[in-house]
PDB file of all heavy atoms in Angstrom:
ATOM      1  N   LEU A   1       3.069  -0.444  -0.746  1.00  0.00           N
ATOM      2  CA  LEU A   1       2.072  -0.104  -1.744  1.00  0.00           C
ATOM      3  C   LEU A   1       2.447  -0.814  -3.044  1.00  0.00           C
ATOM      4  O   LEU A   1       3.572  -0.685  -3.534  1.00  0.00           O
ATOM      5  CB  LEU A   1       2.046   1.412  -1.962  1.00  0.00           C
ATOM      6  CG  LEU A   1       1.243   1.956  -3.144  1.00  0.00           C
ATOM      7  CD1 LEU A   1      -0.244   1.683  -2.949  1.00  0.00           C
ATOM      8  CD2 LEU A   1       1.504   3.453  -3.299  1.00  0.00           C
ATOM      9  N   GLU A   2       1.499  -1.602  -3.589  1.00  0.00           N
ATOM     10  CA  GLU A   2       1.720  -2.279  -4.862  1.00  0.00           C
ATOM     11  C   GLU A   2       1.066  -1.455  -5.969  1.00  0.00           C
ATOM     12  O   GLU A   2      -0.133  -1.164  -5.917  1.00  0.00           O
ATOM     13  CB  GLU A   2       1.118  -3.682  -4.836  1.00  0.00           C
ATOM     14  CG  GLU A   2       1.821  -4.628  -3.875  1.00  0.00           C
ATOM     15  CD  GLU A   2       1.207  -6.011  -3.895  1.00  0.00           C
ATOM     16  OE1 GLU A   2       0.153  -6.189  -4.538  1.00  0.00           O
ATOM     17  OE2 GLU A   2       1.775  -6.929  -3.263  1.00  0.00           O
ATOM     18  N   ARG A   3       1.882  -1.079  -6.963  1.00  0.00           N
ATOM     19  CA  ARG A   3       1.367  -0.236  -8.044  1.00  0.00           C
ATOM     20  C   ARG A   3       2.020  -0.669  -9.353  1.00  0.00           C
ATOM     21  O   ARG A   3       3.247  -0.582  -9.502  1.00  0.00           O
ATOM     22  CB  ARG A   3       1.659   1.225  -7.774  1.00  0.00           C
ATOM     23  CG  ARG A   3       1.308   2.167  -8.919  1.00  0.00           C
ATOM     24  CD  ARG A   3       1.554   3.611  -8.543  1.00  0.00           C
ATOM     25  NE  ARG A   3       0.631   4.046  -7.495  1.00  0.00           N
ATOM     26  CZ  ARG A   3       0.733   5.230  -6.877  1.00  0.00           C
ATOM     27  NH1 ARG A   3       1.711   6.069  -7.200  1.00  0.00           N
ATOM     28  NH2 ARG A   3      -0.133   5.561  -5.930  1.00  0.00           N
ATOM     29  N   GLY A   4       1.199  -1.135 -10.297  1.00  0.00           N
ATOM     30  CA  GLY A   4       1.698  -1.504 -11.613  1.00  0.00           C
ATOM     31  C   GLY A   4       2.811  -2.534 -11.570  1.00  0.00           C
ATOM     32  O   GLY A   4       3.770  -2.447 -12.349  1.00  0.00           O
ATOM     33  N   GLY A   5       2.730  -3.473 -10.669  1.00  0.00           N
ATOM     34  CA  GLY A   5       3.744  -4.510 -10.583  1.00  0.00           C
ATOM     35  C   GLY A   5       4.951  -4.134  -9.752  1.00  0.00           C
ATOM     36  O   GLY A   5       5.844  -4.975  -9.528  1.00  0.00           O
ATOM     37  N   ASP A   6       5.001  -2.872  -9.289  1.00  0.00           N
ATOM     38  CA  ASP A   6       6.113  -2.434  -8.439  1.00  0.00           C
ATOM     39  C   ASP A   6       5.695  -2.456  -6.972  1.00  0.00           C
ATOM     40  O   ASP A   6       4.519  -2.210  -6.638  1.00  0.00           O
ATOM     41  CB  ASP A   6       6.561  -1.021  -8.824  1.00  0.00           C
ATOM     42  CG  ASP A   6       7.150  -0.961 -10.223  1.00  0.00           C
ATOM     43  OD1 ASP A   6       7.783  -1.969 -10.632  1.00  0.00           O
ATOM     44  OD2 ASP A   6       6.983   0.069 -10.905  1.00  0.00           O
ATOM     45  N   LEU A   7       6.678  -2.710  -6.109  1.00  0.00           N
ATOM     46  CA  LEU A   7       6.446  -2.699  -4.660  1.00  0.00           C
ATOM     47  C   LEU A   7       7.134  -1.468  -4.080  1.00  0.00           C
ATOM     48  O   LEU A   7       8.364  -1.338  -4.159  1.00  0.00           O
ATOM     49  CB  LEU A   7       6.993  -3.972  -4.016  1.00  0.00           C
ATOM     50  CG  LEU A   7       6.737  -4.114  -2.510  1.00  0.00           C
ATOM     51  CD1 LEU A   7       5.254  -4.399  -2.245  1.00  0.00           C
ATOM     52  CD2 LEU A   7       7.590  -5.227  -1.912  1.00  0.00           C
ATOM     53  N   LEU A   8       6.354  -0.559  -3.540  1.00  0.00           N
ATOM     54  CA  LEU A   8       6.887   0.685  -2.981  1.00  0.00           C
ATOM     55  C   LEU A   8       6.758   0.657  -1.463  1.00  0.00           C
ATOM     56  O   LEU A   8       5.695   0.315  -0.922  1.00  0.00           O
ATOM     57  CB  LEU A   8       6.111   1.888  -3.538  1.00  0.00           C
ATOM     58  CG  LEU A   8       5.993   1.969  -5.073  1.00  0.00           C
ATOM     59  CD1 LEU A   8       5.106   3.144  -5.464  1.00  0.00           C
ATOM     60  CD2 LEU A   8       7.366   2.075  -5.716  1.00  0.00           C
ATOM     61  N   THR A   9       7.837   1.007  -0.767  1.00  0.00           N
ATOM     62  CA  THR A   9       7.794   1.024   0.707  1.00  0.00           C
ATOM     63  C   THR A   9       7.947   2.426   1.280  1.00  0.00           C
ATOM     64  O   THR A   9       7.495   2.693   2.393  1.00  0.00           O
ATOM     65  CB  THR A   9       8.903   0.118   1.282  1.00  0.00           C
ATOM     66  OG1 THR A   9      10.173   0.516   0.747  1.00  0.00           O
ATOM     67  CG2 THR A   9       8.636  -1.338   0.959  1.00  0.00           C
ATOM     68  N   ASP A  10       8.583   3.327   0.567  1.00  0.00           N
ATOM     69  CA  ASP A  10       8.710   4.710   1.028  1.00  0.00           C
ATOM     70  C   ASP A  10       7.478   5.463   0.533  1.00  0.00           C
ATOM     71  O   ASP A  10       7.482   6.117  -0.527  1.00  0.00           O
ATOM     72  CB  ASP A  10       9.998   5.327   0.469  1.00  0.00           C
ATOM     73  CG  ASP A  10      10.293   6.684   1.097  1.00  0.00           C
ATOM     74  OD1 ASP A  10       9.577   7.069   2.041  1.00  0.00           O
ATOM     75  OD2 ASP A  10      11.236   7.353   0.639  1.00  0.00           O
ATOM     76  N   ILE A  11       6.391   5.361   1.295  1.00  0.00           N
ATOM     77  CA  ILE A  11       5.069   5.735   0.754  1.00  0.00           C
ATOM     78  C   ILE A  11       4.394   6.876   1.488  1.00  0.00           C
ATOM     79  O   ILE A  11       3.302   7.292   1.099  1.00  0.00           O
ATOM     80  CB  ILE A  11       4.130   4.511   0.756  1.00  0.00           C
ATOM     81  CG1 ILE A  11       4.041   3.902   2.164  1.00  0.00           C
ATOM     82  CG2 ILE A  11       4.618   3.475  -0.247  1.00  0.00           C
ATOM     83  CD1 ILE A  11       3.100   2.724   2.259  1.00  0.00           C
ATOM     84  N   ASP A  12       4.982   7.402   2.538  1.00  0.00           N
ATOM     85  CA  ASP A  12       4.348   8.527   3.239  1.00  0.00           C
ATOM     86  C   ASP A  12       4.169   9.705   2.290  1.00  0.00           C
ATOM     87  O   ASP A  12       5.100  10.101   1.568  1.00  0.00           O
ATOM     88  CB  ASP A  12       5.196   8.952   4.440  1.00  0.00           C
ATOM     89  CG  ASP A  12       4.737   8.287   5.720  1.00  0.00           C
ATOM     90  OD1 ASP A  12       3.513   8.111   5.886  1.00  0.00           O
ATOM     91  OD2 ASP A  12       5.594   7.923   6.551  1.00  0.00           O
ATOM     92  N   GLY A  13       2.974  10.265   2.279  1.00  0.00           N
ATOM     93  CA  GLY A  13       2.674  11.425   1.448  1.00  0.00           C
ATOM     94  C   GLY A  13       2.213  11.093   0.050  1.00  0.00           C
ATOM     95  O   GLY A  13       1.805  11.989  -0.707  1.00  0.00           O
ATOM     96  N   ARG A  14       2.253   9.811  -0.351  1.00  0.00           N
ATOM     97  CA  ARG A  14       1.838   9.438  -1.707  1.00  0.00           C
ATOM     98  C   ARG A  14       0.309   9.431  -1.818  1.00  0.00           C
ATOM     99  O   ARG A  14      -0.386   8.963  -0.924  1.00  0.00           O
ATOM    100  CB  ARG A  14       2.366   8.057  -2.091  1.00  0.00           C
ATOM    101  CG  ARG A  14       3.870   8.015  -2.370  1.00  0.00           C
ATOM    102  CD  ARG A  14       4.269   6.622  -2.794  1.00  0.00           C
ATOM    103  NE  ARG A  14       5.699   6.521  -3.054  1.00  0.00           N
ATOM    104  CZ  ARG A  14       6.260   6.735  -4.244  1.00  0.00           C
ATOM    105  NH1 ARG A  14       5.499   7.060  -5.285  1.00  0.00           N
ATOM    106  NH2 ARG A  14       7.562   6.625  -4.402  1.00  0.00           N
ATOM    107  N   ALA A  15      -0.198   9.914  -2.961  1.00  0.00           N
ATOM    108  CA  ALA A  15      -1.626   9.788  -3.262  1.00  0.00           C
ATOM    109  C   ALA A  15      -1.895   8.365  -3.745  1.00  0.00           C
ATOM    110  O   ALA A  15      -1.029   7.721  -4.337  1.00  0.00           O
ATOM    111  CB  ALA A  15      -2.025  10.796  -4.323  1.00  0.00           C
ATOM    112  N   LEU A  16      -3.101   7.860  -3.480  1.00  0.00           N
ATOM    113  CA  LEU A  16      -3.464   6.500  -3.869  1.00  0.00           C
ATOM    114  C   LEU A  16      -4.311   6.516  -5.141  1.00  0.00           C
ATOM    115  O   LEU A  16      -5.173   7.393  -5.323  1.00  0.00           O
ATOM    116  CB  LEU A  16      -4.244   5.811  -2.742  1.00  0.00           C
ATOM    117  CG  LEU A  16      -3.499   5.612  -1.421  1.00  0.00           C
ATOM    118  CD1 LEU A  16      -4.403   4.898  -0.416  1.00  0.00           C
ATOM    119  CD2 LEU A  16      -2.220   4.823  -1.624  1.00  0.00           C
ATOM    120  N   GLU A  17      -4.058   5.540  -6.003  1.00  0.00           N
ATOM    121  CA  GLU A  17      -4.834   5.382  -7.231  1.00  0.00           C
ATOM    122  C   GLU A  17      -5.785   4.198  -7.093  1.00  0.00           C
ATOM    123  O   GLU A  17      -5.573   3.305  -6.258  1.00  0.00           O
ATOM    124  CB  GLU A  17      -3.891   5.176  -8.418  1.00  0.00           C
ATOM    125  CG  GLU A  17      -2.916   6.323  -8.619  1.00  0.00           C
ATOM    126  CD  GLU A  17      -1.904   6.041  -9.714  1.00  0.00           C
ATOM    127  OE1 GLU A  17      -1.967   4.926 -10.296  1.00  0.00           O
ATOM    128  OE2 GLU A  17      -1.051   6.917  -9.980  1.00  0.00           O
ATOM    129  N   GLY A  18      -6.782   4.170  -7.890  1.00  0.00           N
ATOM    130  CA  GLY A  18      -7.809   3.144  -7.785  1.00  0.00           C
ATOM    131  C   GLY A  18      -7.315   1.739  -8.027  1.00  0.00           C
ATOM    132  O   GLY A  18      -7.943   0.771  -7.571  1.00  0.00           O
ATOM    133  N   SER A  19      -6.220   1.589  -8.738  1.00  0.00           N
ATOM    134  CA  SER A  19      -5.698   0.250  -9.016  1.00  0.00           C
ATOM    135  C   SER A  19      -4.633  -0.196  -8.002  1.00  0.00           C
ATOM    136  O   SER A  19      -4.069  -1.279  -8.139  1.00  0.00           O
ATOM    137  CB  SER A  19      -5.083   0.225 -10.423  1.00  0.00           C
ATOM    138  OG  SER A  19      -4.032   1.195 -10.522  1.00  0.00           O
ATOM    139  N   ASP A  20      -4.381   0.634  -7.003  1.00  0.00           N
ATOM    140  CA  ASP A  20      -3.344   0.310  -6.012  1.00  0.00           C
ATOM    141  C   ASP A  20      -3.825  -0.761  -5.053  1.00  0.00           C
ATOM    142  O   ASP A  20      -5.035  -0.958  -4.845  1.00  0.00           O
ATOM    143  CB  ASP A  20      -2.959   1.554  -5.208  1.00  0.00           C
ATOM    144  CG  ASP A  20      -2.171   2.551  -6.020  1.00  0.00           C
ATOM    145  OD1 ASP A  20      -1.625   2.137  -7.059  1.00  0.00           O
ATOM    146  OD2 ASP A  20      -2.093   3.724  -5.607  1.00  0.00           O
ATOM    147  N   ARG A  21      -2.855  -1.435  -4.467  1.00  0.00           N
ATOM    148  CA  ARG A  21      -3.140  -2.369  -3.380  1.00  0.00           C
ATOM    149  C   ARG A  21      -2.165  -2.080  -2.236  1.00  0.00           C
ATOM    150  O   ARG A  21      -0.981  -1.808  -2.476  1.00  0.00           O
ATOM    151  CB  ARG A  21      -3.011  -3.824  -3.842  1.00  0.00           C
ATOM    152  CG  ARG A  21      -4.144  -4.264  -4.738  1.00  0.00           C
ATOM    153  CD  ARG A  21      -3.970  -5.673  -5.223  1.00  0.00           C
ATOM    154  NE  ARG A  21      -2.777  -5.804  -6.069  1.00  0.00           N
ATOM    155  CZ  ARG A  21      -2.513  -6.876  -6.804  1.00  0.00           C
ATOM    156  NH1 ARG A  21      -3.348  -7.897  -6.795  1.00  0.00           N
ATOM    157  NH2 ARG A  21      -1.422  -6.925  -7.537  1.00  0.00           N
ATOM    158  N   LEU A  22      -2.687  -2.146  -1.009  1.00  0.00           N
ATOM    159  CA  LEU A  22      -1.879  -1.889   0.191  1.00  0.00           C
ATOM    160  C   LEU A  22      -1.556  -3.203   0.882  1.00  0.00           C
ATOM    161  O   LEU A  22      -2.418  -4.096   0.977  1.00  0.00           O
ATOM    162  CB  LEU A  22      -2.617  -0.975   1.172  1.00  0.00           C
ATOM    163  CG  LEU A  22      -2.926   0.450   0.704  1.00  0.00           C
ATOM    164  CD1 LEU A  22      -3.684   1.197   1.800  1.00  0.00           C
ATOM    165  CD2 LEU A  22      -1.641   1.188   0.353  1.00  0.00           C
ATOM    166  N   VAL A  23      -0.338  -3.327   1.349  1.00  0.00           N
ATOM    167  CA  VAL A  23       0.035  -4.440   2.235  1.00  0.00           C
ATOM    168  C   VAL A  23       0.018  -3.889   3.656  1.00  0.00           C
ATOM    169  O   VAL A  23       0.771  -2.966   3.989  1.00  0.00           O
ATOM    170  CB  VAL A  23       1.426  -4.998   1.882  1.00  0.00           C
ATOM    171  CG1 VAL A  23       1.799  -6.117   2.855  1.00  0.00           C
ATOM    172  CG2 VAL A  23       1.451  -5.507   0.442  1.00  0.00           C
ATOM    173  N   VAL A  24      -0.868  -4.439   4.454  1.00  0.00           N
ATOM    174  CA  VAL A  24      -1.113  -3.917   5.805  1.00  0.00           C
ATOM    175  C   VAL A  24      -0.833  -5.013   6.822  1.00  0.00           C
ATOM    176  O   VAL A  24      -1.163  -6.191   6.588  1.00  0.00           O
ATOM    177  CB  VAL A  24      -2.569  -3.423   5.939  1.00  0.00           C
ATOM    178  CG1 VAL A  24      -2.811  -2.849   7.316  1.00  0.00           C
ATOM    179  CG2 VAL A  24      -2.871  -2.396   4.866  1.00  0.00           C
ATOM    180  N   ALA A  25      -0.221  -4.626   7.967  1.00  0.00           N
ATOM    181  CA  ALA A  25       0.088  -5.585   9.034  1.00  0.00           C
ATOM    182  C   ALA A  25      -0.627  -5.178  10.317  1.00  0.00           C
ATOM    183  O   ALA A  25      -0.705  -3.989  10.649  1.00  0.00           O
ATOM    184  CB  ALA A  25       1.594  -5.645   9.278  1.00  0.00           C
ATOM    185  N   GLY A  26      -1.155  -6.177  11.020  1.00  0.00           N
ATOM    186  CA  GLY A  26      -1.803  -5.919  12.296  1.00  0.00           C
ATOM    187  C   GLY A  26      -2.403  -7.181  12.855  1.00  0.00           C
ATOM    188  O   GLY A  26      -2.439  -8.226  12.191  1.00  0.00           O
ATOM    189  N   THR A  27      -2.863  -7.113  14.087  1.00  0.00           N
ATOM    190  CA  THR A  27      -3.559  -8.249  14.667  1.00  0.00           C
ATOM    191  C   THR A  27      -4.950  -8.343  14.043  1.00  0.00           C
ATOM    192  O   THR A  27      -5.391  -7.435  13.330  1.00  0.00           O
ATOM    193  CB  THR A  27      -3.687  -8.096  16.189  1.00  0.00           C
ATOM    194  OG1 THR A  27      -4.506  -6.947  16.479  1.00  0.00           O
ATOM    195  CG2 THR A  27      -2.321  -7.913  16.841  1.00  0.00           C
ATOM    196  N   GLU A  28      -5.635  -9.423  14.309  1.00  0.00           N
ATOM    197  CA  GLU A  28      -6.956  -9.628  13.709  1.00  0.00           C
ATOM    198  C   GLU A  28      -7.903  -8.487  14.068  1.00  0.00           C
ATOM    199  O   GLU A  28      -8.632  -7.977  13.202  1.00  0.00           O
ATOM    200  CB  GLU A  28      -7.524 -10.971  14.166  1.00  0.00           C
ATOM    201  CG  GLU A  28      -8.735 -11.412  13.377  1.00  0.00           C
ATOM    202  CD  GLU A  28      -9.149 -12.837  13.709  1.00  0.00           C
ATOM    203  OE1 GLU A  28      -8.884 -13.275  14.850  1.00  0.00           O
ATOM    204  OE2 GLU A  28      -9.712 -13.500  12.827  1.00  0.00           O
ATOM    205  N   SER A  29      -7.892  -8.062  15.325  1.00  0.00           N
ATOM    206  CA  SER A  29      -8.791  -6.982  15.727  1.00  0.00           C
ATOM    207  C   SER A  29      -8.373  -5.654  15.100  1.00  0.00           C
ATOM    208  O   SER A  29      -9.224  -4.838  14.714  1.00  0.00           O
ATOM    209  CB  SER A  29      -8.815  -6.853  17.254  1.00  0.00           C
ATOM    210  OG  SER A  29      -7.523  -6.569  17.762  1.00  0.00           O
ATOM    211  N   GLU A  30      -7.063  -5.409  14.964  1.00  0.00           N
ATOM    212  CA  GLU A  30      -6.588  -4.175  14.348  1.00  0.00           C
ATOM    213  C   GLU A  30      -6.967  -4.124  12.865  1.00  0.00           C
ATOM    214  O   GLU A  30      -7.383  -3.073  12.354  1.00  0.00           O
ATOM    215  CB  GLU A  30      -5.070  -4.052  14.507  1.00  0.00           C
ATOM    216  CG  GLU A  30      -4.623  -3.808  15.950  1.00  0.00           C
ATOM    217  CD  GLU A  30      -3.125  -3.968  16.118  1.00  0.00           C
ATOM    218  OE1 GLU A  30      -2.454  -4.479  15.183  1.00  0.00           O
ATOM    219  OE2 GLU A  30      -2.617  -3.600  17.188  1.00  0.00           O
TER     220      GLU A  30
END
């Protein structure tokens, strides 16, 4: 989770804010 210039990886249970960006991994279909 990218938030305010910080990269967070221990993110389970965190609420998301409108300015957040997620780094997601998967195949094209996923």
